[in-house]
Amino acid sequence: MKRLAHYRGGYQIAGLLEQARQLRSSQTRAEELLWQLLRNRQLLGFKFRRQHQFGDYVADFYCRKAQLVIECDGPVHDDRKQTQHDRARDAYLMTQGLRVLRFRNEAVLDDTESVLEQIVKYLGGE
């Protein structure tokens, strides 16, 4: 019997599925704004998921076709310990063949056009 790959990479880590659900219901303003611009294939027809699980991690946004993870970072990411965690997380995601784009919440809220231009550039739209 052939086993199909699970879209979360086969991981059934206790609590992460519930954590992803919680994160979807309590997004930051920046995440809400970016989700409104990415959802329903609005950006060049690419499908994005939000709060998608990869191993021990949950990514803010993920596009499978482009192998792209997008993160919105608030002030908590300025903490040294969190920065180290982010680096380890990004390294893990890169070993999975993914590219990680990080944007400050302020950039998403105050310079949305520039953020979208950077995403479009990665997706090959310009």
PDB file of N, CA and C in Angstrom:
ATOM      1  N   MET A   1       0.841  -1.178   0.000  1.00  0.00           N
ATOM      2  CA  MET A   1       0.000   0.000   0.000  1.00  0.00           C
ATOM      3  C   MET A   1       0.890   1.246   0.000  1.00  0.00           C
ATOM      4  N   LYS A   2       0.686   2.114  -0.962  1.00  0.00           N
ATOM      5  CA  LYS A   2       1.487   3.328  -1.067  1.00  0.00           C
ATOM      6  C   LYS A   2       0.965   4.380  -0.095  1.00  0.00           C
ATOM      7  N   ARG A   3       1.862   4.941   0.685  1.00  0.00           N
ATOM      8  CA  ARG A   3       1.487   5.958   1.657  1.00  0.00           C
ATOM      9  C   ARG A   3       1.634   7.336   1.026  1.00  0.00           C
ATOM     10  N   LEU A   4       0.598   8.136   1.092  1.00  0.00           N
ATOM     11  CA  LEU A   4       0.634   9.490   0.556  1.00  0.00           C
ATOM     12  C   LEU A   4       1.282  10.432   1.547  1.00  0.00           C
ATOM     13  N   ALA A   5       2.056  11.357   1.036  1.00  0.00           N
ATOM     14  CA  ALA A   5       2.705  12.348   1.899  1.00  0.00           C
ATOM     15  C   ALA A   5       1.659  13.284   2.490  1.00  0.00           C
ATOM     16  N   HIS A   6       1.786  13.543   3.747  1.00  0.00           N
ATOM     17  CA  HIS A   6       0.895  14.458   4.437  1.00  0.00           C
ATOM     18  C   HIS A   6       1.330  15.883   4.124  1.00  0.00           C
ATOM     19  N   TYR A   7       0.406  16.794   3.875  1.00  0.00           N
ATOM     20  CA  TYR A   7       0.795  18.136   3.465  1.00  0.00           C
ATOM     21  C   TYR A   7       1.506  18.912   4.560  1.00  0.00           C
ATOM     22  N   ARG A   8       1.485  18.436   5.778  1.00  0.00           N
ATOM     23  CA  ARG A   8       2.248  19.071   6.849  1.00  0.00           C
ATOM     24  C   ARG A   8       3.580  18.366   7.053  1.00  0.00           C
ATOM     25  N   GLY A   9       3.990  17.578   6.079  1.00  0.00           N
ATOM     26  CA  GLY A   9       5.271  16.900   6.171  1.00  0.00           C
ATOM     27  C   GLY A   9       5.221  15.640   7.012  1.00  0.00           C
ATOM     28  N   GLY A  10       4.026  15.149   7.310  1.00  0.00           N
ATOM     29  CA  GLY A  10       3.901  13.930   8.095  1.00  0.00           C
ATOM     30  C   GLY A  10       3.941  14.153   9.591  1.00  0.00           C
ATOM     31  N   TYR A  11       4.089  15.383  10.023  1.00  0.00           N
ATOM     32  CA  TYR A  11       4.186  15.674  11.447  1.00  0.00           C
ATOM     33  C   TYR A  11       2.799  15.789  12.072  1.00  0.00           C
ATOM     34  N   GLN A  12       2.642  15.162  13.187  1.00  0.00           N
ATOM     35  CA  GLN A  12       1.431  15.279  13.989  1.00  0.00           C
ATOM     36  C   GLN A  12       1.849  15.699  15.392  1.00  0.00           C
ATOM     37  N   ILE A  13       2.490  16.830  15.476  1.00  0.00           N
ATOM     38  CA  ILE A  13       3.043  17.288  16.746  1.00  0.00           C
ATOM     39  C   ILE A  13       1.919  17.857  17.597  1.00  0.00           C
ATOM     40  N   ALA A  14       1.793  17.317  18.782  1.00  0.00           N
ATOM     41  CA  ALA A  14       0.719  17.716  19.685  1.00  0.00           C
ATOM     42  C   ALA A  14       0.722  19.212  19.908  1.00  0.00           C
ATOM     43  N   GLY A  15      -0.419  19.806  19.747  1.00  0.00           N
ATOM     44  CA  GLY A  15      -0.583  21.217  20.046  1.00  0.00           C
ATOM     45  C   GLY A  15      -0.326  22.161  18.890  1.00  0.00           C
ATOM     46  N   LEU A  16       0.444  21.762  17.874  1.00  0.00           N
ATOM     47  CA  LEU A  16       0.753  22.694  16.791  1.00  0.00           C
ATOM     48  C   LEU A  16      -0.455  22.973  15.908  1.00  0.00           C
ATOM     49  N   LEU A  17      -1.263  21.968  15.663  1.00  0.00           N
ATOM     50  CA  LEU A  17      -2.454  22.187  14.849  1.00  0.00           C
ATOM     51  C   LEU A  17      -3.384  23.167  15.569  1.00  0.00           C
ATOM     52  N   GLU A  18      -3.550  22.966  16.856  1.00  0.00           N
ATOM     53  CA  GLU A  18      -4.388  23.879  17.647  1.00  0.00           C
ATOM     54  C   GLU A  18      -3.745  25.261  17.721  1.00  0.00           C
ATOM     55  N   GLN A  19      -2.423  25.298  17.849  1.00  0.00           N
ATOM     56  CA  GLN A  19      -1.721  26.584  17.880  1.00  0.00           C
ATOM     57  C   GLN A  19      -1.929  27.337  16.567  1.00  0.00           C
ATOM     58  N   ALA A  20      -1.851  26.639  15.443  1.00  0.00           N
ATOM     59  CA  ALA A  20      -2.071  27.278  14.141  1.00  0.00           C
ATOM     60  C   ALA A  20      -3.479  27.853  14.065  1.00  0.00           C
ATOM     61  N   ARG A  21      -4.447  27.113  14.554  1.00  0.00           N
ATOM     62  CA  ARG A  21      -5.831  27.621  14.574  1.00  0.00           C
ATOM     63  C   ARG A  21      -5.940  28.877  15.429  1.00  0.00           C
ATOM     64  N   GLN A  22      -5.289  28.845  16.591  1.00  0.00           N
ATOM     65  CA  GLN A  22      -5.305  30.009  17.480  1.00  0.00           C
ATOM     66  C   GLN A  22      -4.640  31.209  16.820  1.00  0.00           C
ATOM     67  N   LEU A  23      -3.514  30.974  16.152  1.00  0.00           N
ATOM     68  CA  LEU A  23      -2.809  32.073  15.475  1.00  0.00           C
ATOM     69  C   LEU A  23      -3.665  32.678  14.362  1.00  0.00           C
ATOM     70  N   ARG A  24      -4.412  31.848  13.652  1.00  0.00           N
ATOM     71  CA  ARG A  24      -5.292  32.364  12.598  1.00  0.00           C
ATOM     72  C   ARG A  24      -6.381  33.257  13.173  1.00  0.00           C
ATOM     73  N   SER A  25      -6.836  32.938  14.367  1.00  0.00           N
ATOM     74  CA  SER A  25      -7.914  33.733  14.959  1.00  0.00           C
ATOM     75  C   SER A  25      -7.412  34.957  15.710  1.00  0.00           C
ATOM     76  N   SER A  26      -6.095  35.070  15.887  1.00  0.00           N
ATOM     77  CA  SER A  26      -5.553  36.225  16.618  1.00  0.00           C
ATOM     78  C   SER A  26      -4.380  36.848  15.857  1.00  0.00           C
ATOM     79  N   GLN A  27      -4.569  37.093  14.582  1.00  0.00           N
ATOM     80  CA  GLN A  27      -3.511  37.680  13.760  1.00  0.00           C
ATOM     81  C   GLN A  27      -3.220  39.120  14.161  1.00  0.00           C
ATOM     82  N   THR A  28      -1.999  39.545  13.882  1.00  0.00           N
ATOM     83  CA  THR A  28      -1.651  40.948  14.068  1.00  0.00           C
ATOM     84  C   THR A  28      -2.309  41.763  12.948  1.00  0.00           C
ATOM     85  N   ARG A  29      -2.333  43.067  13.091  1.00  0.00           N
ATOM     86  CA  ARG A  29      -2.891  43.917  12.032  1.00  0.00           C
ATOM     87  C   ARG A  29      -2.129  43.723  10.730  1.00  0.00           C
ATOM     88  N   ALA A  30      -0.810  43.589  10.817  1.00  0.00           N
ATOM     89  CA  ALA A  30       0.009  43.388   9.620  1.00  0.00           C
ATOM     90  C   ALA A  30      -0.337  42.061   8.942  1.00  0.00           C
ATOM     91  N   GLU A  31      -0.494  41.007   9.726  1.00  0.00           N
ATOM     92  CA  GLU A  31      -0.861  39.709   9.159  1.00  0.00           C
ATOM     93  C   GLU A  31      -2.248  39.767   8.519  1.00  0.00           C
ATOM     94  N   GLU A  32      -3.179  40.441   9.175  1.00  0.00           N
ATOM     95  CA  GLU A  32      -4.529  40.588   8.606  1.00  0.00           C
ATOM     96  C   GLU A  32      -4.480  41.292   7.261  1.00  0.00           C
ATOM     97  N   LEU A  33      -3.727  42.388   7.194  1.00  0.00           N
ATOM     98  CA  LEU A  33      -3.622  43.149   5.953  1.00  0.00           C
ATOM     99  C   LEU A  33      -2.983  42.308   4.854  1.00  0.00           C
ATOM    100  N   LEU A  34      -1.866  41.672   5.166  1.00  0.00           N
ATOM    101  CA  LEU A  34      -1.180  40.878   4.150  1.00  0.00           C
ATOM    102  C   LEU A  34      -2.047  39.711   3.691  1.00  0.00           C
ATOM    103  N   TRP A  35      -2.772  39.087   4.617  1.00  0.00           N
ATOM    104  CA  TRP A  35      -3.659  37.979   4.243  1.00  0.00           C
ATOM    105  C   TRP A  35      -4.752  38.463   3.286  1.00  0.00           C
ATOM    106  N   GLN A  36      -5.297  39.625   3.520  1.00  0.00           N
ATOM    107  CA  GLN A  36      -6.322  40.159   2.615  1.00  0.00           C
ATOM    108  C   GLN A  36      -5.774  40.359   1.206  1.00  0.00           C
ATOM    109  N   LEU A  37      -4.477  40.615   1.091  1.00  0.00           N
ATOM    110  CA  LEU A  37      -3.855  40.848  -0.218  1.00  0.00           C
ATOM    111  C   LEU A  37      -3.361  39.565  -0.887  1.00  0.00           C
ATOM    112  N   LEU A  38      -3.130  38.514  -0.104  1.00  0.00           N
ATOM    113  CA  LEU A  38      -2.608  37.260  -0.645  1.00  0.00           C
ATOM    114  C   LEU A  38      -3.692  36.204  -0.888  1.00  0.00           C
ATOM    115  N   ARG A  39      -4.757  36.259  -0.125  1.00  0.00           N
ATOM    116  CA  ARG A  39      -5.759  35.192  -0.169  1.00  0.00           C
ATOM    117  C   ARG A  39      -6.482  35.133  -1.517  1.00  0.00           C
ATOM    118  N   ASN A  40      -7.089  34.000  -1.765  1.00  0.00           N
ATOM    119  CA  ASN A  40      -7.902  33.774  -2.976  1.00  0.00           C
ATOM    120  C   ASN A  40      -7.132  34.016  -4.274  1.00  0.00           C
ATOM    121  N   ARG A  41      -5.847  33.693  -4.271  1.00  0.00           N
ATOM    122  CA  ARG A  41      -5.016  33.786  -5.477  1.00  0.00           C
ATOM    123  C   ARG A  41      -4.982  35.201  -6.076  1.00  0.00           C
ATOM    124  N   GLN A  42      -5.073  36.204  -5.220  1.00  0.00           N
ATOM    125  CA  GLN A  42      -5.098  37.588  -5.695  1.00  0.00           C
ATOM    126  C   GLN A  42      -3.756  38.092  -6.215  1.00  0.00           C
ATOM    127  N   LEU A  43      -2.675  37.488  -5.769  1.00  0.00           N
ATOM    128  CA  LEU A  43      -1.354  37.957  -6.171  1.00  0.00           C
ATOM    129  C   LEU A  43      -0.809  37.018  -7.247  1.00  0.00           C
ATOM    130  N   LEU A  44      -0.904  37.440  -8.487  1.00  0.00           N
ATOM    131  CA  LEU A  44      -0.400  36.706  -9.650  1.00  0.00           C
ATOM    132  C   LEU A  44      -0.950  35.285  -9.763  1.00  0.00           C
ATOM    133  N   GLY A  45      -2.074  35.032  -9.122  1.00  0.00           N
ATOM    134  CA  GLY A  45      -2.691  33.712  -9.198  1.00  0.00           C
ATOM    135  C   GLY A  45      -2.077  32.664  -8.283  1.00  0.00           C
ATOM    136  N   PHE A  46      -1.142  33.060  -7.407  1.00  0.00           N
ATOM    137  CA  PHE A  46      -0.498  32.113  -6.502  1.00  0.00           C
ATOM    138  C   PHE A  46      -1.367  31.864  -5.282  1.00  0.00           C
ATOM    139  N   LYS A  47      -1.481  30.606  -4.899  1.00  0.00           N
ATOM    140  CA  LYS A  47      -2.261  30.233  -3.718  1.00  0.00           C
ATOM    141  C   LYS A  47      -1.369  30.280  -2.480  1.00  0.00           C
ATOM    142  N   PHE A  48      -1.822  30.997  -1.471  1.00  0.00           N
ATOM    143  CA  PHE A  48      -1.121  31.075  -0.190  1.00  0.00           C
ATOM    144  C   PHE A  48      -1.978  30.450   0.901  1.00  0.00           C
ATOM    145  N   ARG A  49      -1.320  29.833   1.847  1.00  0.00           N
ATOM    146  CA  ARG A  49      -1.961  29.339   3.076  1.00  0.00           C
ATOM    147  C   ARG A  49      -1.467  30.236   4.205  1.00  0.00           C
ATOM    148  N   ARG A  50      -2.245  30.312   5.262  1.00  0.00           N
ATOM    149  CA  ARG A  50      -1.767  31.055   6.429  1.00  0.00           C
ATOM    150  C   ARG A  50      -1.625  30.099   7.600  1.00  0.00           C
ATOM    151  N   GLN A  51      -0.663  30.398   8.455  1.00  0.00           N
ATOM    152  CA  GLN A  51      -0.354  29.603   9.638  1.00  0.00           C
ATOM    153  C   GLN A  51      -0.207  28.128   9.260  1.00  0.00           C
ATOM    154  N   HIS A  52       0.746  27.868   8.379  1.00  0.00           N
ATOM    155  CA  HIS A  52       0.994  26.524   7.857  1.00  0.00           C
ATOM    156  C   HIS A  52       2.135  25.864   8.622  1.00  0.00           C
ATOM    157  N   GLN A  53       1.923  24.620   9.016  1.00  0.00           N
ATOM    158  CA  GLN A  53       2.889  23.888   9.824  1.00  0.00           C
ATOM    159  C   GLN A  53       3.986  23.251   8.976  1.00  0.00           C
ATOM    160  N   PHE A  54       5.234  23.419   9.440  1.00  0.00           N
ATOM    161  CA  PHE A  54       6.399  22.739   8.883  1.00  0.00           C
ATOM    162  C   PHE A  54       7.166  22.149  10.055  1.00  0.00           C
ATOM    163  N   GLY A  55       7.124  20.859  10.219  1.00  0.00           N
ATOM    164  CA  GLY A  55       7.832  20.249  11.337  1.00  0.00           C
ATOM    165  C   GLY A  55       7.390  20.849  12.653  1.00  0.00           C
ATOM    166  N   ASP A  56       8.350  21.376  13.391  1.00  0.00           N
ATOM    167  CA  ASP A  56       8.059  21.970  14.704  1.00  0.00           C
ATOM    168  C   ASP A  56       7.635  23.431  14.614  1.00  0.00           C
ATOM    169  N   TYR A  57       7.465  23.958  13.419  1.00  0.00           N
ATOM    170  CA  TYR A  57       7.230  25.386  13.226  1.00  0.00           C
ATOM    171  C   TYR A  57       5.915  25.660  12.507  1.00  0.00           C
ATOM    172  N   VAL A  58       5.416  26.871  12.714  1.00  0.00           N
ATOM    173  CA  VAL A  58       4.227  27.343  12.018  1.00  0.00           C
ATOM    174  C   VAL A  58       4.607  28.635  11.302  1.00  0.00           C
ATOM    175  N   ALA A  59       4.457  28.641   9.983  1.00  0.00           N
ATOM    176  CA  ALA A  59       4.802  29.808   9.155  1.00  0.00           C
ATOM    177  C   ALA A  59       3.576  30.705   9.007  1.00  0.00           C
ATOM    178  N   ASP A  60       3.794  32.020   8.984  1.00  0.00           N
ATOM    179  CA  ASP A  60       2.674  32.951   8.812  1.00  0.00           C
ATOM    180  C   ASP A  60       1.953  32.707   7.491  1.00  0.00           C
ATOM    181  N   PHE A  61       2.713  32.671   6.388  1.00  0.00           N
ATOM    182  CA  PHE A  61       2.130  32.456   5.058  1.00  0.00           C
ATOM    183  C   PHE A  61       3.030  31.526   4.267  1.00  0.00           C
ATOM    184  N   TYR A  62       2.406  30.699   3.426  1.00  0.00           N
ATOM    185  CA  TYR A  62       3.164  29.730   2.635  1.00  0.00           C
ATOM    186  C   TYR A  62       2.532  29.566   1.265  1.00  0.00           C
ATOM    187  N   CYS A  63       3.378  29.609   0.247  1.00  0.00           N
ATOM    188  CA  CYS A  63       2.955  29.341  -1.123  1.00  0.00           C
ATOM    189  C   CYS A  63       3.726  28.110  -1.602  1.00  0.00           C
ATOM    190  N   ARG A  64       3.015  27.010  -1.778  1.00  0.00           N
ATOM    191  CA  ARG A  64       3.660  25.754  -2.173  1.00  0.00           C
ATOM    192  C   ARG A  64       4.282  25.848  -3.562  1.00  0.00           C
ATOM    193  N   LYS A  65       3.544  26.399  -4.509  1.00  0.00           N
ATOM    194  CA  LYS A  65       4.026  26.466  -5.891  1.00  0.00           C
ATOM    195  C   LYS A  65       5.365  27.201  -5.974  1.00  0.00           C
ATOM    196  N   ALA A  66       5.502  28.277  -5.227  1.00  0.00           N
ATOM    197  CA  ALA A  66       6.738  29.072  -5.246  1.00  0.00           C
ATOM    198  C   ALA A  66       7.740  28.633  -4.177  1.00  0.00           C
ATOM    199  N   GLN A  67       7.348  27.660  -3.320  1.00  0.00           N
ATOM    200  CA  GLN A  67       8.201  27.226  -2.209  1.00  0.00           C
ATOM    201  C   GLN A  67       8.656  28.429  -1.381  1.00  0.00           C
ATOM    202  N   LEU A  68       7.669  29.266  -1.042  1.00  0.00           N
ATOM    203  CA  LEU A  68       7.931  30.536  -0.373  1.00  0.00           C
ATOM    204  C   LEU A  68       7.187  30.626   0.955  1.00  0.00           C
ATOM    205  N   VAL A  69       7.933  31.032   1.989  1.00  0.00           N
ATOM    206  CA  VAL A  69       7.367  31.333   3.304  1.00  0.00           C
ATOM    207  C   VAL A  69       7.519  32.829   3.520  1.00  0.00           C
ATOM    208  N   ILE A  70       6.451  33.461   3.981  1.00  0.00           N
ATOM    209  CA  ILE A  70       6.485  34.891   4.293  1.00  0.00           C
ATOM    210  C   ILE A  70       6.171  35.061   5.771  1.00  0.00           C
ATOM    211  N   GLU A  71       7.005  35.830   6.438  1.00  0.00           N
ATOM    212  CA  GLU A  71       6.841  36.090   7.865  1.00  0.00           C
ATOM    213  C   GLU A  71       6.648  37.579   8.116  1.00  0.00           C
ATOM    214  N   CYS A  72       5.726  37.907   9.003  1.00  0.00           N
ATOM    215  CA  CYS A  72       5.535  39.275   9.490  1.00  0.00           C
ATOM    216  C   CYS A  72       6.114  39.323  10.899  1.00  0.00           C
ATOM    217  N   ASP A  73       7.102  40.176  11.104  1.00  0.00           N
ATOM    218  CA  ASP A  73       7.804  40.230  12.386  1.00  0.00           C
ATOM    219  C   ASP A  73       7.487  41.501  13.146  1.00  0.00           C
ATOM    220  N   GLY A  74       7.048  41.319  14.380  1.00  0.00           N
ATOM    221  CA  GLY A  74       6.795  42.440  15.272  1.00  0.00           C
ATOM    222  C   GLY A  74       7.953  42.625  16.236  1.00  0.00           C
ATOM    223  N   PRO A  75       7.765  43.450  17.260  1.00  0.00           N
ATOM    224  CA  PRO A  75       8.833  43.766  18.212  1.00  0.00           C
ATOM    225  C   PRO A  75       9.406  42.556  18.948  1.00  0.00           C
ATOM    226  N   VAL A  76       8.620  41.507  19.134  1.00  0.00           N
ATOM    227  CA  VAL A  76       9.112  40.322  19.834  1.00  0.00           C
ATOM    228  C   VAL A  76      10.317  39.718  19.113  1.00  0.00           C
ATOM    229  N   HIS A  77      10.421  39.941  17.809  1.00  0.00           N
ATOM    230  CA  HIS A  77      11.530  39.386  17.029  1.00  0.00           C
ATOM    231  C   HIS A  77      12.833  40.174  17.218  1.00  0.00           C
ATOM    232  N   ASP A  78      12.787  41.262  17.982  1.00  0.00           N
ATOM    233  CA  ASP A  78      13.992  42.029  18.290  1.00  0.00           C
ATOM    234  C   ASP A  78      14.774  41.413  19.445  1.00  0.00           C
ATOM    235  N   ASP A  79      14.116  40.577  20.226  1.00  0.00           N
ATOM    236  CA  ASP A  79      14.746  39.913  21.361  1.00  0.00           C
ATOM    237  C   ASP A  79      15.823  38.949  20.867  1.00  0.00           C
ATOM    238  N   ARG A  80      16.963  38.949  21.520  1.00  0.00           N
ATOM    239  CA  ARG A  80      18.103  38.121  21.091  1.00  0.00           C
ATOM    240  C   ARG A  80      17.731  36.645  21.012  1.00  0.00           C
ATOM    241  N   LYS A  81      17.045  36.158  22.021  1.00  0.00           N
ATOM    242  CA  LYS A  81      16.657  34.741  22.046  1.00  0.00           C
ATOM    243  C   LYS A  81      15.718  34.432  20.873  1.00  0.00           C
ATOM    244  N   GLN A  82      14.784  35.326  20.605  1.00  0.00           N
ATOM    245  CA  GLN A  82      13.854  35.121  19.492  1.00  0.00           C
ATOM    246  C   GLN A  82      14.587  35.185  18.152  1.00  0.00           C
ATOM    247  N   THR A  83      15.559  36.074  18.041  1.00  0.00           N
ATOM    248  CA  THR A  83      16.352  36.174  16.815  1.00  0.00           C
ATOM    249  C   THR A  83      17.088  34.870  16.542  1.00  0.00           C
ATOM    250  N   GLN A  84      17.644  34.271  17.587  1.00  0.00           N
ATOM    251  CA  GLN A  84      18.323  32.985  17.434  1.00  0.00           C
ATOM    252  C   GLN A  84      17.338  31.900  17.003  1.00  0.00           C
ATOM    253  N   HIS A  85      16.168  31.913  17.611  1.00  0.00           N
ATOM    254  CA  HIS A  85      15.117  30.957  17.239  1.00  0.00           C
ATOM    255  C   HIS A  85      14.725  31.148  15.769  1.00  0.00           C
ATOM    256  N   ASP A  86      14.567  32.396  15.353  1.00  0.00           N
ATOM    257  CA  ASP A  86      14.205  32.694  13.961  1.00  0.00           C
ATOM    258  C   ASP A  86      15.266  32.186  12.986  1.00  0.00           C
ATOM    259  N   ARG A  87      16.523  32.357  13.335  1.00  0.00           N
ATOM    260  CA  ARG A  87      17.608  31.887  12.468  1.00  0.00           C
ATOM    261  C   ARG A  87      17.581  30.365  12.322  1.00  0.00           C
ATOM    262  N   ALA A  88      17.385  29.675  13.437  1.00  0.00           N
ATOM    263  CA  ALA A  88      17.318  28.206  13.403  1.00  0.00           C
ATOM    264  C   ALA A  88      16.109  27.758  12.584  1.00  0.00           C
ATOM    265  N   ARG A  89      15.014  28.433  12.765  1.00  0.00           N
ATOM    266  CA  ARG A  89      13.785  28.127  12.036  1.00  0.00           C
ATOM    267  C   ARG A  89      13.978  28.346  10.543  1.00  0.00           C
ATOM    268  N   ASP A  90      14.557  29.487  10.176  1.00  0.00           N
ATOM    269  CA  ASP A  90      14.806  29.787   8.761  1.00  0.00           C
ATOM    270  C   ASP A  90      15.758  28.762   8.150  1.00  0.00           C
ATOM    271  N   ALA A  91      16.772  28.359   8.913  1.00  0.00           N
ATOM    272  CA  ALA A  91      17.720  27.355   8.418  1.00  0.00           C
ATOM    273  C   ALA A  91      17.002  26.032   8.164  1.00  0.00           C
ATOM    274  N   TYR A  92      16.123  25.648   9.086  1.00  0.00           N
ATOM    275  CA  TYR A  92      15.350  24.420   8.892  1.00  0.00           C
ATOM    276  C   TYR A  92      14.487  24.534   7.636  1.00  0.00           C
ATOM    277  N   LEU A  93      13.787  25.639   7.486  1.00  0.00           N
ATOM    278  CA  LEU A  93      12.915  25.821   6.320  1.00  0.00           C
ATOM    279  C   LEU A  93      13.721  25.778   5.021  1.00  0.00           C
ATOM    280  N   MET A  94      14.918  26.353   5.033  1.00  0.00           N
ATOM    281  CA  MET A  94      15.753  26.327   3.830  1.00  0.00           C
ATOM    282  C   MET A  94      16.199  24.902   3.505  1.00  0.00           C
ATOM    283  N   THR A  95      16.423  24.060   4.535  1.00  0.00           N
ATOM    284  CA  THR A  95      16.775  22.662   4.259  1.00  0.00           C
ATOM    285  C   THR A  95      15.609  21.920   3.628  1.00  0.00           C
ATOM    286  N   GLN A  96      14.416  22.456   3.764  1.00  0.00           N
ATOM    287  CA  GLN A  96      13.234  21.859   3.149  1.00  0.00           C
ATOM    288  C   GLN A  96      12.998  22.402   1.736  1.00  0.00           C
ATOM    289  N   GLY A  97      13.951  23.216   1.261  1.00  0.00           N
ATOM    290  CA  GLY A  97      13.852  23.765  -0.090  1.00  0.00           C
ATOM    291  C   GLY A  97      13.001  25.022  -0.184  1.00  0.00           C
ATOM    292  N   LEU A  98      12.777  25.670   0.951  1.00  0.00           N
ATOM    293  CA  LEU A  98      11.918  26.848   0.996  1.00  0.00           C
ATOM    294  C   LEU A  98      12.741  28.124   1.069  1.00  0.00           C
ATOM    295  N   ARG A  99      12.184  29.194   0.542  1.00  0.00           N
ATOM    296  CA  ARG A  99      12.760  30.536   0.664  1.00  0.00           C
ATOM    297  C   ARG A  99      11.927  31.279   1.696  1.00  0.00           C
ATOM    298  N   VAL A 100      12.572  32.026   2.567  1.00  0.00           N
ATOM    299  CA  VAL A 100      11.873  32.767   3.616  1.00  0.00           C
ATOM    300  C   VAL A 100      12.054  34.258   3.383  1.00  0.00           C
ATOM    301  N   LEU A 101      10.949  34.977   3.281  1.00  0.00           N
ATOM    302  CA  LEU A 101      10.966  36.438   3.213  1.00  0.00           C
ATOM    303  C   LEU A 101      10.381  36.959   4.523  1.00  0.00           C
ATOM    304  N   ARG A 102      11.123  37.848   5.174  1.00  0.00           N
ATOM    305  CA  ARG A 102      10.663  38.439   6.434  1.00  0.00           C
ATOM    306  C   ARG A 102      10.421  39.923   6.242  1.00  0.00           C
ATOM    307  N   PHE A 103       9.305  40.380   6.781  1.00  0.00           N
ATOM    308  CA  PHE A 103       8.958  41.796   6.724  1.00  0.00           C
ATOM    309  C   PHE A 103       8.562  42.257   8.115  1.00  0.00           C
ATOM    310  N   ARG A 104       9.016  43.436   8.481  1.00  0.00           N
ATOM    311  CA  ARG A 104       8.590  44.048   9.743  1.00  0.00           C
ATOM    312  C   ARG A 104       7.107  44.407   9.628  1.00  0.00           C
ATOM    313  N   ASN A 105       6.397  44.284  10.720  1.00  0.00           N
ATOM    314  CA  ASN A 105       4.984  44.660  10.733  1.00  0.00           C
ATOM    315  C   ASN A 105       4.793  46.092  10.245  1.00  0.00           C
ATOM    316  N   GLU A 106       5.702  46.989  10.662  1.00  0.00           N
ATOM    317  CA  GLU A 106       5.595  48.387  10.272  1.00  0.00           C
ATOM    318  C   GLU A 106       5.694  48.547   8.756  1.00  0.00           C
ATOM    319  N   ALA A 107       6.543  47.766   8.120  1.00  0.00           N
ATOM    320  CA  ALA A 107       6.686  47.838   6.660  1.00  0.00           C
ATOM    321  C   ALA A 107       5.407  47.367   5.978  1.00  0.00           C
ATOM    322  N   VAL A 108       4.820  46.303   6.488  1.00  0.00           N
ATOM    323  CA  VAL A 108       3.577  45.791   5.899  1.00  0.00           C
ATOM    324  C   VAL A 108       2.473  46.838   6.022  1.00  0.00           C
ATOM    325  N   LEU A 109       2.402  47.502   7.168  1.00  0.00           N
ATOM    326  CA  LEU A 109       1.339  48.476   7.413  1.00  0.00           C
ATOM    327  C   LEU A 109       1.593  49.824   6.739  1.00  0.00           C
ATOM    328  N   ASP A 110       2.854  50.287   6.738  1.00  0.00           N
ATOM    329  CA  ASP A 110       3.161  51.633   6.280  1.00  0.00           C
ATOM    330  C   ASP A 110       3.691  51.708   4.854  1.00  0.00           C
ATOM    331  N   ASP A 111       4.222  50.610   4.344  1.00  0.00           N
ATOM    332  CA  ASP A 111       4.799  50.596   3.002  1.00  0.00           C
ATOM    333  C   ASP A 111       4.371  49.314   2.280  1.00  0.00           C
ATOM    334  N   THR A 112       3.075  49.077   2.285  1.00  0.00           N
ATOM    335  CA  THR A 112       2.502  47.843   1.754  1.00  0.00           C
ATOM    336  C   THR A 112       2.896  47.608   0.302  1.00  0.00           C
ATOM    337  N   GLU A 113       2.895  48.655  -0.483  1.00  0.00           N
ATOM    338  CA  GLU A 113       3.222  48.520  -1.903  1.00  0.00           C
ATOM    339  C   GLU A 113       4.631  47.959  -2.098  1.00  0.00           C
ATOM    340  N   SER A 114       5.581  48.441  -1.321  1.00  0.00           N
ATOM    341  CA  SER A 114       6.960  47.958  -1.419  1.00  0.00           C
ATOM    342  C   SER A 114       7.063  46.483  -1.022  1.00  0.00           C
ATOM    343  N   VAL A 115       6.347  46.102   0.023  1.00  0.00           N
ATOM    344  CA  VAL A 115       6.332  44.703   0.459  1.00  0.00           C
ATOM    345  C   VAL A 115       5.778  43.820  -0.657  1.00  0.00           C
ATOM    346  N   LEU A 116       4.667  44.231  -1.240  1.00  0.00           N
ATOM    347  CA  LEU A 116       4.089  43.449  -2.339  1.00  0.00           C
ATOM    348  C   LEU A 116       5.026  43.386  -3.541  1.00  0.00           C
ATOM    349  N   GLU A 117       5.707  44.474  -3.830  1.00  0.00           N
ATOM    350  CA  GLU A 117       6.663  44.482  -4.942  1.00  0.00           C
ATOM    351  C   GLU A 117       7.775  43.463  -4.710  1.00  0.00           C
ATOM    352  N   GLN A 118       8.252  43.360  -3.468  1.00  0.00           N
ATOM    353  CA  GLN A 118       9.306  42.391  -3.156  1.00  0.00           C
ATOM    354  C   GLN A 118       8.798  40.960  -3.304  1.00  0.00           C
ATOM    355  N   ILE A 119       7.563  40.719  -2.885  1.00  0.00           N
ATOM    356  CA  ILE A 119       6.980  39.383  -3.030  1.00  0.00           C
ATOM    357  C   ILE A 119       6.793  39.060  -4.513  1.00  0.00           C
ATOM    358  N   VAL A 120       6.257  40.009  -5.269  1.00  0.00           N
ATOM    359  CA  VAL A 120       6.043  39.819  -6.711  1.00  0.00           C
ATOM    360  C   VAL A 120       7.373  39.548  -7.414  1.00  0.00           C
ATOM    361  N   LYS A 121       8.403  40.271  -7.018  1.00  0.00           N
ATOM    362  CA  LYS A 121       9.725  40.063  -7.610  1.00  0.00           C
ATOM    363  C   LYS A 121      10.184  38.632  -7.404  1.00  0.00           C
ATOM    364  N   TYR A 122       9.984  38.110  -6.197  1.00  0.00           N
ATOM    365  CA  TYR A 122      10.366  36.732  -5.920  1.00  0.00           C
ATOM    366  C   TYR A 122       9.514  35.750  -6.744  1.00  0.00           C
ATOM    367  N   LEU A 123       8.236  36.051  -6.891  1.00  0.00           N
ATOM    368  CA  LEU A 123       7.332  35.158  -7.615  1.00  0.00           C
ATOM    369  C   LEU A 123       7.568  35.208  -9.123  1.00  0.00           C
ATOM    370  N   GLY A 124       8.400  36.146  -9.560  1.00  0.00           N
ATOM    371  CA  GLY A 124       8.733  36.223 -10.986  1.00  0.00           C
ATOM    372  C   GLY A 124       7.801  37.086 -11.791  1.00  0.00           C
ATOM    373  N   GLY A 125       7.078  37.964 -11.121  1.00  0.00           N
ATOM    374  CA  GLY A 125       6.124  38.824 -11.804  1.00  0.00           C
ATOM    375  C   GLY A 125       6.729  40.080 -12.388  1.00  0.00           C
ATOM    376  N   GLU A 126       7.942  40.419 -12.029  1.00  0.00           N
ATOM    377  CA  GLU A 126       8.585  41.629 -12.565  1.00  0.00           C
ATOM    378  C   GLU A 126      10.051  41.390 -12.799  1.00  0.00           C
TER     379      GLU A 126
END
